[in-house]
């Protein structure tokens, strides 16, 4: 997996990260170009959105960005299957993906 992990993740954030890696691997994806921050490190950066996230995924340049961004689904012409697959799989673990802008998404606890 080629996801760049910028922060140490533990507990529920690690579960979210591992779930995403599992989903991408099951889809035959490498995660190249994806960057992951812990919610704490993201907030410490002073970012405007995603401050309550378990993890934040930067997907701006990622080959697999369409798993996290509806904009990318449309812009890449890959359709919405990847996004819907990720959304459903995260929901099974009581997690949700929230696109916070066109280049990043936050993963939160569902409840």
PDB file of N, CA and C in Angstrom:
ATOM      1  N   UNK A   1       0.853  -1.178   0.000  1.00  0.00           N
ATOM      2  CA  UNK A   1       0.000   0.000   0.000  1.00  0.00           C
ATOM      3  C   UNK A   1       0.892   1.232   0.000  1.00  0.00           C
ATOM      4  N   UNK A   2       0.539   2.191  -0.845  1.00  0.00           N
ATOM      5  CA  UNK A   2       1.363   3.379  -1.026  1.00  0.00           C
ATOM      6  C   UNK A   2       0.803   4.621  -0.328  1.00  0.00           C
ATOM      7  N   UNK A   3      -0.124   4.444   0.590  1.00  0.00           N
ATOM      8  CA  UNK A   3      -0.663   5.581   1.333  1.00  0.00           C
ATOM      9  C   UNK A   3       0.447   6.162   2.207  1.00  0.00           C
ATOM     10  N   UNK A   4       0.587   7.473   2.178  1.00  0.00           N
ATOM     11  CA  UNK A   4       1.577   8.144   3.022  1.00  0.00           C
ATOM     12  C   UNK A   4       0.907   8.503   4.340  1.00  0.00           C
ATOM     13  N   UNK A   5       1.378   7.890   5.404  1.00  0.00           N
ATOM     14  CA  UNK A   5       0.826   8.125   6.738  1.00  0.00           C
ATOM     15  C   UNK A   5       1.671   9.200   7.416  1.00  0.00           C
ATOM     16  N   UNK A   6       1.121  10.405   7.537  1.00  0.00           N
ATOM     17  CA  UNK A   6       1.856  11.555   8.079  1.00  0.00           C
ATOM     18  C   UNK A   6       1.820  11.610   9.596  1.00  0.00           C
ATOM     19  N   UNK A   7       0.922  10.867  10.213  1.00  0.00           N
ATOM     20  CA  UNK A   7       0.728  10.911  11.654  1.00  0.00           C
ATOM     21  C   UNK A   7       0.638   9.499  12.195  1.00  0.00           C
ATOM     22  N   UNK A   8       1.006   9.353  13.447  1.00  0.00           N
ATOM     23  CA  UNK A   8       0.768   8.087  14.118  1.00  0.00           C
ATOM     24  C   UNK A   8      -0.711   8.010  14.453  1.00  0.00           C
ATOM     25  N   UNK A   9      -1.328   6.893  14.152  1.00  0.00           N
ATOM     26  CA  UNK A   9      -2.739   6.716  14.476  1.00  0.00           C
ATOM     27  C   UNK A   9      -2.887   5.532  15.424  1.00  0.00           C
ATOM     28  N   UNK A  10      -3.814   5.650  16.364  1.00  0.00           N
ATOM     29  CA  UNK A  10      -4.041   4.601  17.352  1.00  0.00           C
ATOM     30  C   UNK A  10      -5.531   4.533  17.658  1.00  0.00           C
ATOM     31  N   UNK A  11      -5.932   3.469  18.326  1.00  0.00           N
ATOM     32  CA  UNK A  11      -7.317   3.330  18.757  1.00  0.00           C
ATOM     33  C   UNK A  11      -8.282   3.319  17.585  1.00  0.00           C
ATOM     34  N   UNK A  12      -9.337   4.077  17.729  1.00  0.00           N
ATOM     35  CA  UNK A  12     -10.393   4.120  16.704  1.00  0.00           C
ATOM     36  C   UNK A  12      -9.876   4.685  15.386  1.00  0.00           C
ATOM     37  N   UNK A  13      -8.931   5.635  15.449  1.00  0.00           N
ATOM     38  CA  UNK A  13      -8.332   6.180  14.216  1.00  0.00           C
ATOM     39  C   UNK A  13      -7.579   5.094  13.463  1.00  0.00           C
ATOM     40  N   UNK A  14      -6.890   4.221  14.171  1.00  0.00           N
ATOM     41  CA  UNK A  14      -6.170   3.110  13.542  1.00  0.00           C
ATOM     42  C   UNK A  14      -7.163   2.128  12.918  1.00  0.00           C
ATOM     43  N   UNK A  15      -8.270   1.886  13.599  1.00  0.00           N
ATOM     44  CA  UNK A  15      -9.309   1.020  13.034  1.00  0.00           C
ATOM     45  C   UNK A  15      -9.834   1.597  11.723  1.00  0.00           C
ATOM     46  N   UNK A  16     -10.061   2.903  11.693  1.00  0.00           N
ATOM     47  CA  UNK A  16     -10.547   3.563  10.476  1.00  0.00           C
ATOM     48  C   UNK A  16      -9.518   3.448   9.361  1.00  0.00           C
ATOM     49  N   UNK A  17      -8.266   3.708   9.681  1.00  0.00           N
ATOM     50  CA  UNK A  17      -7.189   3.608   8.690  1.00  0.00           C
ATOM     51  C   UNK A  17      -7.091   2.183   8.146  1.00  0.00           C
ATOM     52  N   UNK A  18      -7.083   1.204   9.046  1.00  0.00           N
ATOM     53  CA  UNK A  18      -6.982  -0.200   8.629  1.00  0.00           C
ATOM     54  C   UNK A  18      -8.169  -0.617   7.763  1.00  0.00           C
ATOM     55  N   UNK A  19      -9.356  -0.125   8.072  1.00  0.00           N
ATOM     56  CA  UNK A  19     -10.546  -0.446   7.286  1.00  0.00           C
ATOM     57  C   UNK A  19     -10.397   0.107   5.870  1.00  0.00           C
ATOM     58  N   UNK A  20      -9.912   1.333   5.757  1.00  0.00           N
ATOM     59  CA  UNK A  20      -9.718   1.954   4.439  1.00  0.00           C
ATOM     60  C   UNK A  20      -8.687   1.186   3.632  1.00  0.00           C
ATOM     61  N   UNK A  21      -7.577   0.820   4.264  1.00  0.00           N
ATOM     62  CA  UNK A  21      -6.551   0.032   3.577  1.00  0.00           C
ATOM     63  C   UNK A  21      -7.140  -1.289   3.100  1.00  0.00           C
ATOM     64  N   UNK A  22      -7.916  -1.946   3.941  1.00  0.00           N
ATOM     65  CA  UNK A  22      -8.536  -3.218   3.591  1.00  0.00           C
ATOM     66  C   UNK A  22      -9.471  -3.063   2.387  1.00  0.00           C
ATOM     67  N   UNK A  23     -10.256  -2.009   2.383  1.00  0.00           N
ATOM     68  CA  UNK A  23     -11.193  -1.774   1.279  1.00  0.00           C
ATOM     69  C   UNK A  23     -10.423  -1.530  -0.018  1.00  0.00           C
ATOM     70  N   UNK A  24      -9.422  -0.666   0.047  1.00  0.00           N
ATOM     71  CA  UNK A  24      -8.643  -0.364  -1.158  1.00  0.00           C
ATOM     72  C   UNK A  24      -7.946  -1.610  -1.692  1.00  0.00           C
ATOM     73  N   UNK A  25      -7.365  -2.396  -0.785  1.00  0.00           N
ATOM     74  CA  UNK A  25      -6.694  -3.629  -1.221  1.00  0.00           C
ATOM     75  C   UNK A  25      -7.682  -4.597  -1.858  1.00  0.00           C
ATOM     76  N   UNK A  26      -8.871  -4.721  -1.286  1.00  0.00           N
ATOM     77  CA  UNK A  26      -9.865  -5.639  -1.841  1.00  0.00           C
ATOM     78  C   UNK A  26     -10.349  -5.190  -3.216  1.00  0.00           C
ATOM     79  N   UNK A  27     -10.203  -3.901  -3.507  1.00  0.00           N
ATOM     80  CA  UNK A  27     -10.589  -3.341  -4.798  1.00  0.00           C
ATOM     81  C   UNK A  27      -9.421  -3.348  -5.791  1.00  0.00           C
ATOM     82  N   UNK A  28      -8.254  -3.838  -5.348  1.00  0.00           N
ATOM     83  CA  UNK A  28      -7.086  -3.886  -6.217  1.00  0.00           C
ATOM     84  C   UNK A  28      -6.384  -2.545  -6.367  1.00  0.00           C
ATOM     85  N   UNK A  29      -6.568  -1.676  -5.385  1.00  0.00           N
ATOM     86  CA  UNK A  29      -5.962  -0.338  -5.420  1.00  0.00           C
ATOM     87  C   UNK A  29      -4.676  -0.300  -4.607  1.00  0.00           C
ATOM     88  N   UNK A  30      -3.814   0.659  -4.929  1.00  0.00           N
ATOM     89  CA  UNK A  30      -2.544   0.817  -4.222  1.00  0.00           C
ATOM     90  C   UNK A  30      -2.539   1.987  -3.258  1.00  0.00           C
ATOM     91  N   UNK A  31      -3.484   2.894  -3.378  1.00  0.00           N
ATOM     92  CA  UNK A  31      -3.518   4.054  -2.496  1.00  0.00           C
ATOM     93  C   UNK A  31      -2.480   5.103  -2.826  1.00  0.00           C
ATOM     94  N   UNK A  32      -1.894   5.025  -4.005  1.00  0.00           N
ATOM     95  CA  UNK A  32      -0.828   5.975  -4.344  1.00  0.00           C
ATOM     96  C   UNK A  32      -1.379   7.396  -4.413  1.00  0.00           C
ATOM     97  N   UNK A  33      -0.628   8.311  -3.844  1.00  0.00           N
ATOM     98  CA  UNK A  33      -1.009   9.709  -3.820  1.00  0.00           C
ATOM     99  C   UNK A  33      -1.911  10.093  -2.665  1.00  0.00           C
ATOM    100  N   UNK A  34      -2.349   9.134  -1.879  1.00  0.00           N
ATOM    101  CA  UNK A  34      -3.184   9.436  -0.723  1.00  0.00           C
ATOM    102  C   UNK A  34      -2.297   9.729   0.484  1.00  0.00           C
ATOM    103  N   UNK A  35      -2.675  10.732   1.249  1.00  0.00           N
ATOM    104  CA  UNK A  35      -1.942  11.129   2.448  1.00  0.00           C
ATOM    105  C   UNK A  35      -2.925  11.138   3.612  1.00  0.00           C
ATOM    106  N   UNK A  36      -2.531  10.558   4.746  1.00  0.00           N
ATOM    107  CA  UNK A  36      -3.423  10.459   5.903  1.00  0.00           C
ATOM    108  C   UNK A  36      -2.799  11.166   7.107  1.00  0.00           C
ATOM    109  N   UNK A  37      -3.623  11.979   7.761  1.00  0.00           N
ATOM    110  CA  UNK A  37      -3.260  12.644   9.020  1.00  0.00           C
ATOM    111  C   UNK A  37      -4.199  12.163  10.116  1.00  0.00           C
ATOM    112  N   UNK A  38      -3.712  12.119  11.345  1.00  0.00           N
ATOM    113  CA  UNK A  38      -4.611  11.895  12.474  1.00  0.00           C
ATOM    114  C   UNK A  38      -5.470  13.142  12.633  1.00  0.00           C
ATOM    115  N   UNK A  39      -6.624  12.981  13.249  1.00  0.00           N
ATOM    116  CA  UNK A  39      -7.481  14.129  13.503  1.00  0.00           C
ATOM    117  C   UNK A  39      -6.796  15.188  14.343  1.00  0.00           C
ATOM    118  N   UNK A  40      -6.008  14.735  15.326  1.00  0.00           N
ATOM    119  CA  UNK A  40      -5.300  15.674  16.203  1.00  0.00           C
ATOM    120  C   UNK A  40      -4.272  16.496  15.432  1.00  0.00           C
ATOM    121  N   UNK A  41      -3.487  15.831  14.601  1.00  0.00           N
ATOM    122  CA  UNK A  41      -2.475  16.548  13.825  1.00  0.00           C
ATOM    123  C   UNK A  41      -3.122  17.478  12.807  1.00  0.00           C
ATOM    124  N   UNK A  42      -4.244  17.056  12.251  1.00  0.00           N
ATOM    125  CA  UNK A  42      -4.948  17.902  11.286  1.00  0.00           C
ATOM    126  C   UNK A  42      -5.428  19.188  11.971  1.00  0.00           C
ATOM    127  N   UNK A  43      -6.011  19.035  13.154  1.00  0.00           N
ATOM    128  CA  UNK A  43      -6.485  20.193  13.909  1.00  0.00           C
ATOM    129  C   UNK A  43      -5.323  21.102  14.295  1.00  0.00           C
ATOM    130  N   UNK A  44      -4.204  20.500  14.695  1.00  0.00           N
ATOM    131  CA  UNK A  44      -3.026  21.287  15.092  1.00  0.00           C
ATOM    132  C   UNK A  44      -2.479  22.107  13.926  1.00  0.00           C
ATOM    133  N   UNK A  45      -2.728  21.682  12.704  1.00  0.00           N
ATOM    134  CA  UNK A  45      -2.292  22.436  11.525  1.00  0.00           C
ATOM    135  C   UNK A  45      -3.118  23.714  11.331  1.00  0.00           C
ATOM    136  N   UNK A  46      -4.232  23.804  12.055  1.00  0.00           N
ATOM    137  CA  UNK A  46      -5.092  24.971  11.935  1.00  0.00           C
ATOM    138  C   UNK A  46      -6.039  24.913  10.760  1.00  0.00           C
ATOM    139  N   UNK A  47      -6.289  23.719  10.258  1.00  0.00           N
ATOM    140  CA  UNK A  47      -7.194  23.567   9.115  1.00  0.00           C
ATOM    141  C   UNK A  47      -8.625  23.950   9.510  1.00  0.00           C
ATOM    142  N   UNK A  48      -9.346  24.473   8.563  1.00  0.00           N
ATOM    143  CA  UNK A  48     -10.677  25.014   8.826  1.00  0.00           C
ATOM    144  C   UNK A  48     -11.742  23.928   8.998  1.00  0.00           C
ATOM    145  N   UNK A  49     -11.624  22.830   8.295  1.00  0.00           N
ATOM    146  CA  UNK A  49     -12.630  21.766   8.347  1.00  0.00           C
ATOM    147  C   UNK A  49     -11.983  20.451   8.759  1.00  0.00           C
ATOM    148  N   UNK A  50     -12.790  19.562   9.314  1.00  0.00           N
ATOM    149  CA  UNK A  50     -12.301  18.250   9.690  1.00  0.00           C
ATOM    150  C   UNK A  50     -11.692  18.170  11.065  1.00  0.00           C
ATOM    151  N   UNK A  51     -11.922  19.183  11.882  1.00  0.00           N
ATOM    152  CA  UNK A  51     -11.247  19.227  13.184  1.00  0.00           C
ATOM    153  C   UNK A  51     -11.692  18.133  14.156  1.00  0.00           C
ATOM    154  N   UNK A  52     -12.837  17.527  13.951  1.00  0.00           N
ATOM    155  CA  UNK A  52     -13.293  16.463  14.848  1.00  0.00           C
ATOM    156  C   UNK A  52     -13.115  15.064  14.251  1.00  0.00           C
ATOM    157  N   UNK A  53     -12.332  14.954  13.200  1.00  0.00           N
ATOM    158  CA  UNK A  53     -12.173  13.688  12.486  1.00  0.00           C
ATOM    159  C   UNK A  53     -11.272  12.713  13.242  1.00  0.00           C
ATOM    160  N   UNK A  54     -11.501  11.429  12.992  1.00  0.00           N
ATOM    161  CA  UNK A  54     -10.558  10.409  13.453  1.00  0.00           C
ATOM    162  C   UNK A  54      -9.284  10.494  12.621  1.00  0.00           C
ATOM    163  N   UNK A  55      -9.472  10.550  11.299  1.00  0.00           N
ATOM    164  CA  UNK A  55      -8.373  10.743  10.359  1.00  0.00           C
ATOM    165  C   UNK A  55      -8.854  11.646   9.222  1.00  0.00           C
ATOM    166  N   UNK A  56      -7.899  12.287   8.564  1.00  0.00           N
ATOM    167  CA  UNK A  56      -8.191  13.090   7.380  1.00  0.00           C
ATOM    168  C   UNK A  56      -7.346  12.548   6.240  1.00  0.00           C
ATOM    169  N   UNK A  57      -7.975  12.383   5.086  1.00  0.00           N
ATOM    170  CA  UNK A  57      -7.311  11.835   3.911  1.00  0.00           C
ATOM    171  C   UNK A  57      -7.188  12.923   2.857  1.00  0.00           C
ATOM    172  N   UNK A  58      -5.966  13.204   2.441  1.00  0.00           N
ATOM    173  CA  UNK A  58      -5.729  14.098   1.323  1.00  0.00           C
ATOM    174  C   UNK A  58      -5.736  13.216   0.074  1.00  0.00           C
ATOM    175  N   UNK A  59      -6.637  13.503  -0.844  1.00  0.00           N
ATOM    176  CA  UNK A  59      -6.780  12.648  -2.028  1.00  0.00           C
ATOM    177  C   UNK A  59      -6.646  13.433  -3.320  1.00  0.00           C
ATOM    178  N   UNK A  60      -6.167  14.637  -3.232  1.00  0.00           N
ATOM    179  CA  UNK A  60      -6.093  15.544  -4.380  1.00  0.00           C
ATOM    180  C   UNK A  60      -5.390  14.937  -5.585  1.00  0.00           C
ATOM    181  N   UNK A  61      -4.262  14.320  -5.373  1.00  0.00           N
ATOM    182  CA  UNK A  61      -3.467  13.753  -6.473  1.00  0.00           C
ATOM    183  C   UNK A  61      -3.525  12.229  -6.523  1.00  0.00           C
ATOM    184  N   UNK A  62      -4.353  11.632  -5.669  1.00  0.00           N
ATOM    185  CA  UNK A  62      -4.364  10.184  -5.563  1.00  0.00           C
ATOM    186  C   UNK A  62      -5.067   9.483  -6.710  1.00  0.00           C
ATOM    187  N   UNK A  63      -4.482   8.374  -7.130  1.00  0.00           N
ATOM    188  CA  UNK A  63      -5.098   7.552  -8.168  1.00  0.00           C
ATOM    189  C   UNK A  63      -6.443   6.990  -7.716  1.00  0.00           C
ATOM    190  N   UNK A  64      -6.617   6.876  -6.417  1.00  0.00           N
ATOM    191  CA  UNK A  64      -7.826   6.284  -5.860  1.00  0.00           C
ATOM    192  C   UNK A  64      -8.730   7.331  -5.223  1.00  0.00           C
ATOM    193  N   UNK A  65      -8.619   8.568  -5.656  1.00  0.00           N
ATOM    194  CA  UNK A  65      -9.381   9.677  -5.074  1.00  0.00           C
ATOM    195  C   UNK A  65     -10.891   9.471  -5.197  1.00  0.00           C
ATOM    196  N   UNK A  66     -11.332   8.741  -6.196  1.00  0.00           N
ATOM    197  CA  UNK A  66     -12.764   8.539  -6.409  1.00  0.00           C
ATOM    198  C   UNK A  66     -13.418   7.673  -5.326  1.00  0.00           C
ATOM    199  N   UNK A  67     -12.626   7.078  -4.454  1.00  0.00           N
ATOM    200  CA  UNK A  67     -13.183   6.348  -3.316  1.00  0.00           C
ATOM    201  C   UNK A  67     -13.598   7.294  -2.189  1.00  0.00           C
ATOM    202  N   UNK A  68     -13.152   8.537  -2.250  1.00  0.00           N
ATOM    203  CA  UNK A  68     -13.385   9.490  -1.171  1.00  0.00           C
ATOM    204  C   UNK A  68     -14.133  10.743  -1.600  1.00  0.00           C
ATOM    205  N   UNK A  69     -14.157  11.048  -2.872  1.00  0.00           N
ATOM    206  CA  UNK A  69     -14.671  12.317  -3.353  1.00  0.00           C
ATOM    207  C   UNK A  69     -15.663  12.123  -4.494  1.00  0.00           C
ATOM    208  N   UNK A  70     -16.877  12.632  -4.293  1.00  0.00           N
ATOM    209  CA  UNK A  70     -17.871  12.565  -5.369  1.00  0.00           C
ATOM    210  C   UNK A  70     -17.430  13.438  -6.544  1.00  0.00           C
ATOM    211  N   UNK A  71     -16.737  14.540  -6.255  1.00  0.00           N
ATOM    212  CA  UNK A  71     -16.197  15.380  -7.327  1.00  0.00           C
ATOM    213  C   UNK A  71     -15.237  14.570  -8.196  1.00  0.00           C
ATOM    214  N   UNK A  72     -14.374  13.791  -7.551  1.00  0.00           N
ATOM    215  CA  UNK A  72     -13.401  12.987  -8.292  1.00  0.00           C
ATOM    216  C   UNK A  72     -14.084  11.897  -9.109  1.00  0.00           C
ATOM    217  N   UNK A  73     -15.176  11.350  -8.581  1.00  0.00           N
ATOM    218  CA  UNK A  73     -15.933  10.352  -9.347  1.00  0.00           C
ATOM    219  C   UNK A  73     -16.360  10.942 -10.682  1.00  0.00           C
ATOM    220  N   UNK A  74     -16.872  12.134 -10.616  1.00  0.00           N
ATOM    221  CA  UNK A  74     -17.345  12.806 -11.828  1.00  0.00           C
ATOM    222  C   UNK A  74     -16.166  13.243 -12.703  1.00  0.00           C
ATOM    223  N   UNK A  75     -15.191  13.908 -12.083  1.00  0.00           N
ATOM    224  CA  UNK A  75     -14.080  14.492 -12.846  1.00  0.00           C
ATOM    225  C   UNK A  75     -13.188  13.452 -13.516  1.00  0.00           C
ATOM    226  N   UNK A  76     -13.055  12.275 -12.906  1.00  0.00           N
ATOM    227  CA  UNK A  76     -12.217  11.236 -13.489  1.00  0.00           C
ATOM    228  C   UNK A  76     -12.979  10.345 -14.457  1.00  0.00           C
ATOM    229  N   UNK A  77     -14.289  10.460 -14.436  1.00  0.00           N
ATOM    230  CA  UNK A  77     -15.111   9.633 -15.318  1.00  0.00           C
ATOM    231  C   UNK A  77     -15.210   8.192 -14.863  1.00  0.00           C
ATOM    232  N   UNK A  78     -14.846   7.909 -13.624  1.00  0.00           N
ATOM    233  CA  UNK A  78     -14.862   6.531 -13.128  1.00  0.00           C
ATOM    234  C   UNK A  78     -16.204   6.115 -12.548  1.00  0.00           C
ATOM    235  N   UNK A  79     -17.141   7.019 -12.514  1.00  0.00           N
ATOM    236  CA  UNK A  79     -18.431   6.696 -11.928  1.00  0.00           C
ATOM    237  C   UNK A  79     -18.363   6.701 -10.407  1.00  0.00           C
ATOM    238  N   UNK A  80     -19.467   6.321  -9.783  1.00  0.00           N
ATOM    239  CA  UNK A  80     -19.613   6.449  -8.328  1.00  0.00           C
ATOM    240  C   UNK A  80     -19.454   5.131  -7.583  1.00  0.00           C
ATOM    241  N   UNK A  81     -19.132   4.051  -8.281  1.00  0.00           N
ATOM    242  CA  UNK A  81     -19.028   2.741  -7.625  1.00  0.00           C
ATOM    243  C   UNK A  81     -17.992   2.727  -6.507  1.00  0.00           C
ATOM    244  N   UNK A  82     -16.821   3.298  -6.741  1.00  0.00           N
ATOM    245  CA  UNK A  82     -15.772   3.319  -5.718  1.00  0.00           C
ATOM    246  C   UNK A  82     -16.202   4.075  -4.478  1.00  0.00           C
ATOM    247  N   UNK A  83     -16.812   5.226  -4.678  1.00  0.00           N
ATOM    248  CA  UNK A  83     -17.299   6.035  -3.556  1.00  0.00           C
ATOM    249  C   UNK A  83     -18.357   5.275  -2.765  1.00  0.00           C
ATOM    250  N   UNK A  84     -19.285   4.674  -3.475  1.00  0.00           N
ATOM    251  CA  UNK A  84     -20.362   3.938  -2.811  1.00  0.00           C
ATOM    252  C   UNK A  84     -19.837   2.705  -2.080  1.00  0.00           C
ATOM    253  N   UNK A  85     -18.834   2.049  -2.646  1.00  0.00           N
ATOM    254  CA  UNK A  85     -18.207   0.900  -1.984  1.00  0.00           C
ATOM    255  C   UNK A  85     -17.564   1.332  -0.673  1.00  0.00           C
ATOM    256  N   UNK A  86     -16.795   2.418  -0.711  1.00  0.00           N
ATOM    257  CA  UNK A  86     -16.129   2.919   0.495  1.00  0.00           C
ATOM    258  C   UNK A  86     -17.161   3.342   1.531  1.00  0.00           C
ATOM    259  N   UNK A  87     -18.167   4.086   1.109  1.00  0.00           N
ATOM    260  CA  UNK A  87     -19.196   4.579   2.025  1.00  0.00           C
ATOM    261  C   UNK A  87     -19.876   3.414   2.744  1.00  0.00           C
ATOM    262  N   UNK A  88     -20.284   2.395   1.998  1.00  0.00           N
ATOM    263  CA  UNK A  88     -20.987   1.247   2.578  1.00  0.00           C
ATOM    264  C   UNK A  88     -20.085   0.450   3.515  1.00  0.00           C
ATOM    265  N   UNK A  89     -18.839   0.239   3.119  1.00  0.00           N
ATOM    266  CA  UNK A  89     -17.916  -0.546   3.944  1.00  0.00           C
ATOM    267  C   UNK A  89     -17.581   0.189   5.247  1.00  0.00           C
ATOM    268  N   UNK A  90     -17.389   1.488   5.178  1.00  0.00           N
ATOM    269  CA  UNK A  90     -17.130   2.254   6.396  1.00  0.00           C
ATOM    270  C   UNK A  90     -18.343   2.223   7.323  1.00  0.00           C
ATOM    271  N   UNK A  91     -19.509   2.333   6.735  1.00  0.00           N
ATOM    272  CA  UNK A  91     -20.740   2.320   7.540  1.00  0.00           C
ATOM    273  C   UNK A  91     -20.877   1.009   8.320  1.00  0.00           C
ATOM    274  N   UNK A  92     -20.441  -0.111   7.743  1.00  0.00           N
ATOM    275  CA  UNK A  92     -20.481  -1.401   8.445  1.00  0.00           C
ATOM    276  C   UNK A  92     -19.664  -1.374   9.726  1.00  0.00           C
ATOM    277  N   UNK A  93     -18.671  -0.493   9.781  1.00  0.00           N
ATOM    278  CA  UNK A  93     -17.827  -0.344  10.975  1.00  0.00           C
ATOM    279  C   UNK A  93     -18.203   0.893  11.780  1.00  0.00           C
ATOM    280  N   UNK A  94     -19.406   1.407  11.556  1.00  0.00           N
ATOM    281  CA  UNK A  94     -19.905   2.614  12.232  1.00  0.00           C
ATOM    282  C   UNK A  94     -18.988   3.815  12.011  1.00  0.00           C
ATOM    283  N   UNK A  95     -18.496   3.922  10.768  1.00  0.00           N
ATOM    284  CA  UNK A  95     -17.665   5.052  10.349  1.00  0.00           C
ATOM    285  C   UNK A  95     -18.333   5.733   9.159  1.00  0.00           C
ATOM    286  N   UNK A  96     -17.964   6.975   8.928  1.00  0.00           N
ATOM    287  CA  UNK A  96     -18.463   7.675   7.746  1.00  0.00           C
ATOM    288  C   UNK A  96     -17.385   8.571   7.165  1.00  0.00           C
ATOM    289  N   UNK A  97     -17.421   8.696   5.852  1.00  0.00           N
ATOM    290  CA  UNK A  97     -16.513   9.567   5.113  1.00  0.00           C
ATOM    291  C   UNK A  97     -17.248  10.869   4.814  1.00  0.00           C
ATOM    292  N   UNK A  98     -16.628  11.995   5.144  1.00  0.00           N
ATOM    293  CA  UNK A  98     -17.205  13.302   4.862  1.00  0.00           C
ATOM    294  C   UNK A  98     -16.227  14.070   3.979  1.00  0.00           C
ATOM    295  N   UNK A  99     -16.627  14.362   2.760  1.00  0.00           N
ATOM    296  CA  UNK A  99     -15.769  15.163   1.897  1.00  0.00           C
ATOM    297  C   UNK A  99     -15.790  16.586   2.441  1.00  0.00           C
ATOM    298  N   UNK A 100     -14.628  17.083   2.879  1.00  0.00           N
ATOM    299  CA  UNK A 100     -14.598  18.410   3.492  1.00  0.00           C
ATOM    300  C   UNK A 100     -14.220  19.499   2.499  1.00  0.00           C
ATOM    301  N   UNK A 101     -13.653  19.131   1.399  1.00  0.00           N
ATOM    302  CA  UNK A 101     -13.441  20.012   0.244  1.00  0.00           C
ATOM    303  C   UNK A 101     -13.068  19.118  -0.936  1.00  0.00           C
ATOM    304  N   UNK A 102     -12.712  19.687  -2.049  1.00  0.00           N
ATOM    305  CA  UNK A 102     -12.475  18.873  -3.244  1.00  0.00           C
ATOM    306  C   UNK A 102     -11.229  18.006  -3.144  1.00  0.00           C
ATOM    307  N   UNK A 103     -10.343  18.285  -2.212  1.00  0.00           N
ATOM    308  CA  UNK A 103      -9.061  17.582  -2.140  1.00  0.00           C
ATOM    309  C   UNK A 103      -8.839  16.796  -0.854  1.00  0.00           C
ATOM    310  N   UNK A 104      -9.806  16.811   0.068  1.00  0.00           N
ATOM    311  CA  UNK A 104      -9.625  16.053   1.306  1.00  0.00           C
ATOM    312  C   UNK A 104     -10.960  15.599   1.872  1.00  0.00           C
ATOM    313  N   UNK A 105     -10.886  14.544   2.685  1.00  0.00           N
ATOM    314  CA  UNK A 105     -12.064  13.992   3.348  1.00  0.00           C
ATOM    315  C   UNK A 105     -11.713  13.636   4.778  1.00  0.00           C
ATOM    316  N   UNK A 106     -12.716  13.725   5.638  1.00  0.00           N
ATOM    317  CA  UNK A 106     -12.567  13.372   7.042  1.00  0.00           C
ATOM    318  C   UNK A 106     -13.356  12.092   7.316  1.00  0.00           C
ATOM    319  N   UNK A 107     -12.781  11.214   8.118  1.00  0.00           N
ATOM    320  CA  UNK A 107     -13.473  10.002   8.528  1.00  0.00           C
ATOM    321  C   UNK A 107     -13.843  10.177   9.999  1.00  0.00           C
ATOM    322  N   UNK A 108     -15.138  10.000  10.285  1.00  0.00           N
ATOM    323  CA  UNK A 108     -15.688  10.195  11.626  1.00  0.00           C
ATOM    324  C   UNK A 108     -16.371   8.918  12.108  1.00  0.00           C
ATOM    325  N   UNK A 109     -16.559   8.846  13.425  1.00  0.00           N
ATOM    326  CA  UNK A 109     -17.471   7.838  13.964  1.00  0.00           C
ATOM    327  C   UNK A 109     -18.867   8.176  13.495  1.00  0.00           C
ATOM    328  N   UNK A 110     -19.634   7.172  13.146  1.00  0.00           N
ATOM    329  CA  UNK A 110     -20.994   7.387  12.665  1.00  0.00           C
ATOM    330  C   UNK A 110     -21.909   7.835  13.795  1.00  0.00           C
ATOM    331  N   UNK A 111     -21.681   7.318  14.988  1.00  0.00           N
ATOM    332  CA  UNK A 111     -22.561   7.650  16.126  1.00  0.00           C
ATOM    333  C   UNK A 111     -21.789   8.329  17.214  1.00  0.00           C
TER     334      UNK A 111
END
